[in-house]
Protein backbone atom coordinates (compact mmCIF):
# COMPACT_ATOMS: atom_id res chain seq x y z
CA MET A 1 38.35 -4.77 -21.64
CA GLY A 2 39.46 -8.17 -20.40
CA GLY A 3 40.42 -6.72 -17.01
CA LEU A 4 37.02 -5.06 -16.70
CA ARG A 5 35.27 -8.36 -17.23
CA PHE A 6 37.46 -9.98 -14.61
CA ASP A 7 36.55 -7.23 -12.12
CA LYS A 8 32.84 -7.75 -12.81
CA CYS A 9 33.21 -11.49 -12.36
CA ARG A 10 35.18 -10.96 -9.17
CA LEU A 11 32.49 -8.62 -7.82
CA SER A 12 29.88 -11.22 -8.65
CA VAL A 13 31.87 -13.92 -6.86
CA ASP A 14 32.41 -11.64 -3.84
CA ASN A 15 28.68 -10.83 -3.69
CA HIS A 16 27.88 -14.54 -3.90
CA ARG A 17 30.31 -15.31 -1.07
CA MET A 18 28.77 -12.54 1.06
CA LEU A 19 25.30 -13.94 0.41
CA LEU A 20 26.46 -17.43 1.35
CA PHE A 21 28.11 -16.08 4.50
CA SER A 22 24.91 -14.27 5.58
CA GLN A 23 22.87 -17.42 4.91
CA ILE A 24 25.28 -19.50 6.98
CA VAL A 25 25.14 -17.00 9.87
CA ALA A 26 21.33 -16.84 9.71
CA GLU A 27 21.02 -20.63 9.64
CA GLY A 28 23.38 -20.90 12.63
CA ARG A 29 21.28 -18.45 14.63
CA ILE A 30 18.08 -20.29 13.73
CA GLN A 31 19.58 -23.62 14.85
CA GLN A 32 20.78 -22.03 18.11
CA ALA A 33 17.29 -20.62 18.77
CA ILE A 34 15.76 -24.07 18.15
CA LYS A 35 18.18 -25.65 20.64
CA GLU A 36 17.34 -22.97 23.23
CA GLY A 37 13.60 -23.56 22.72
CA ARG A 38 12.83 -20.02 21.53
CA PHE A 39 10.38 -21.36 18.96
CA ASP A 40 8.46 -23.49 21.46
CA ASN A 41 4.98 -22.30 22.44
CA LEU A 42 4.77 -19.39 20.01
CA GLU A 43 1.32 -17.79 20.07
CA CYS A 44 0.97 -18.15 16.28
CA ALA A 45 2.10 -21.78 16.17
CA GLY A 46 -0.07 -23.93 13.93
CA LYS A 47 -1.83 -20.92 12.38
CA PRO A 48 -1.41 -19.90 8.74
CA LEU A 49 0.85 -16.98 7.98
CA PRO A 50 -0.89 -13.70 7.10
CA PRO A 51 -1.01 -12.97 3.37
CA ASP A 52 2.05 -11.26 1.96
CA GLU A 53 1.15 -7.70 1.00
CA ALA A 54 4.08 -7.55 -1.38
CA GLU A 55 3.41 -10.78 -3.26
CA LYS A 56 2.22 -8.93 -6.39
CA LEU A 57 5.33 -6.75 -6.51
CA PRO A 58 8.36 -7.79 -8.53
CA PRO A 59 10.73 -9.78 -6.30
CA ASP A 60 13.48 -7.14 -6.56
CA LEU A 61 11.16 -4.46 -5.09
CA ARG A 62 9.70 -6.47 -2.19
CA MET A 63 12.49 -5.79 0.28
CA ALA A 64 12.43 -2.03 -0.42
CA TYR A 65 8.64 -2.04 -0.04
CA ARG A 66 8.85 -3.80 3.33
CA MET A 67 11.57 -1.47 4.57
CA LEU A 68 9.53 1.61 3.63
CA LYS A 69 6.38 0.14 5.17
CA ASN A 70 8.16 -0.80 8.40
CA SER A 71 9.58 2.71 8.69
CA GLY A 72 6.08 4.20 8.51
CA TYR A 73 6.17 5.45 4.91
CA VAL A 74 2.77 5.47 3.22
CA PRO A 75 2.64 6.03 -0.55
CA ALA A 76 0.90 9.23 -1.67
CA GLU A 77 -1.64 7.17 -3.60
CA ILE A 78 -2.76 5.42 -0.41
CA VAL A 79 -2.93 8.73 1.48
CA GLU A 80 -5.11 10.19 -1.27
CA GLU A 81 -7.38 7.15 -1.29
CA ARG A 82 -7.77 7.35 2.49
CA GLU A 83 -8.65 11.05 2.18
CA ILE A 84 -11.34 10.22 -0.38
CA VAL A 85 -12.81 7.53 1.89
CA ARG A 86 -12.67 9.91 4.87
CA THR A 87 -14.48 12.60 2.85
CA ILE A 88 -17.18 10.10 1.86
CA ASP A 89 -17.60 9.13 5.51
CA LEU A 90 -17.92 12.81 6.50
CA LEU A 91 -20.53 13.37 3.80
CA GLU A 92 -22.70 10.67 5.37
CA GLN A 93 -22.73 12.68 8.62
CA MET A 94 -23.38 16.15 7.16
CA GLU A 95 -26.78 17.72 7.53
CA ASP A 96 -26.15 21.17 5.98
CA GLU A 97 -26.98 20.81 2.27
CA GLY A 98 -24.79 23.75 1.23
CA GLU A 99 -21.74 22.34 2.99
CA ARG A 100 -22.51 18.84 1.71
CA TYR A 101 -22.65 20.21 -1.85
CA ARG A 102 -19.27 21.94 -1.44
CA GLN A 103 -17.72 18.78 -0.01
CA MET A 104 -19.14 16.69 -2.86
CA GLN A 105 -17.54 19.06 -5.34
CA LYS A 106 -14.26 18.75 -3.43
CA LEU A 107 -14.63 14.95 -3.50
CA ASN A 108 -15.22 14.96 -7.25
CA VAL A 109 -12.08 17.08 -7.80
CA MET A 110 -10.04 14.75 -5.56
CA ILE A 111 -11.23 11.70 -7.50
CA MET A 112 -10.58 13.34 -10.89
CA LYS A 113 -7.04 14.35 -9.87
CA MET A 114 -6.29 10.90 -8.55
CA ASN A 115 -7.66 9.25 -11.70
CA GLU A 116 -5.50 11.55 -13.80
CA ARG A 117 -2.34 10.74 -11.83
CA ARG A 118 -3.02 7.03 -11.78
CA GLY A 119 -4.13 6.73 -15.36
CA ARG A 120 -6.97 4.51 -14.14
CA PRO A 121 -10.13 5.07 -12.10
CA VAL A 122 -10.21 5.08 -8.30
CA ASN A 123 -11.68 1.84 -7.00
CA LEU A 124 -14.60 2.70 -4.73
CA GLU A 125 -16.20 -0.75 -4.83
CA VAL A 126 -16.64 -0.80 -1.08
CA SER A 127 -18.97 2.19 -1.28
CA ASP A 128 -20.35 1.92 -4.84
CA ASP A 129 -23.94 2.32 -3.66
CA TYR A 130 -23.08 5.33 -1.55
CA HIS A 131 -21.00 6.83 -4.36
CA ARG A 132 -23.98 6.46 -6.70
CA ARG A 133 -26.17 8.25 -4.17
CA ILE A 134 -23.60 11.05 -3.82
CA ILE A 135 -23.58 11.58 -7.58
CA GLU A 136 -27.37 11.73 -7.58
CA LYS A 137 -27.39 14.26 -4.73
CA VAL A 138 -24.78 16.38 -6.51
CA ARG A 139 -26.95 16.40 -9.62
CA LEU A 140 -30.02 17.40 -7.59
CA ALA A 141 -28.07 20.07 -5.69
CA GLU A 142 -26.73 21.51 -8.94
CA GLU A 143 -30.24 21.74 -10.30
CA ARG A 144 -31.46 23.39 -7.08
CA PHE A 145 -28.61 25.94 -6.89
CA LYS A 146 -28.91 26.85 -10.57
CA LYS A 147 -32.55 27.93 -10.14
């Protein structure tokens, strides 16, 4: 057991040394860039940084999130939400009541499935008024098609 603890401590020390080494290398490159004037006249100079999209994530997940985002990965939840918004936008353009009714049913199923997977409701605050109108039209269409 004692040897195992030593190995863990040694790994920790080695990781710490590697981190220090990478920090030293990074700092050296930054200082070299400053000397060469690479940071002079940057187009964003004096402007605030954009908000960090990962600030609400736990610190240990931020790097993985950024790597996935930079490689073009989009979480399934975001894809589903975009599809819902796209369907709502298409509904605004539709003139055929029968097709609009079918698409509204499809939209309702998409929202229910997403709510079920998430364990919380889809946030459609941006289009709350439109969503309310869709629900009303679905109700009216259901009444019309039932007769």
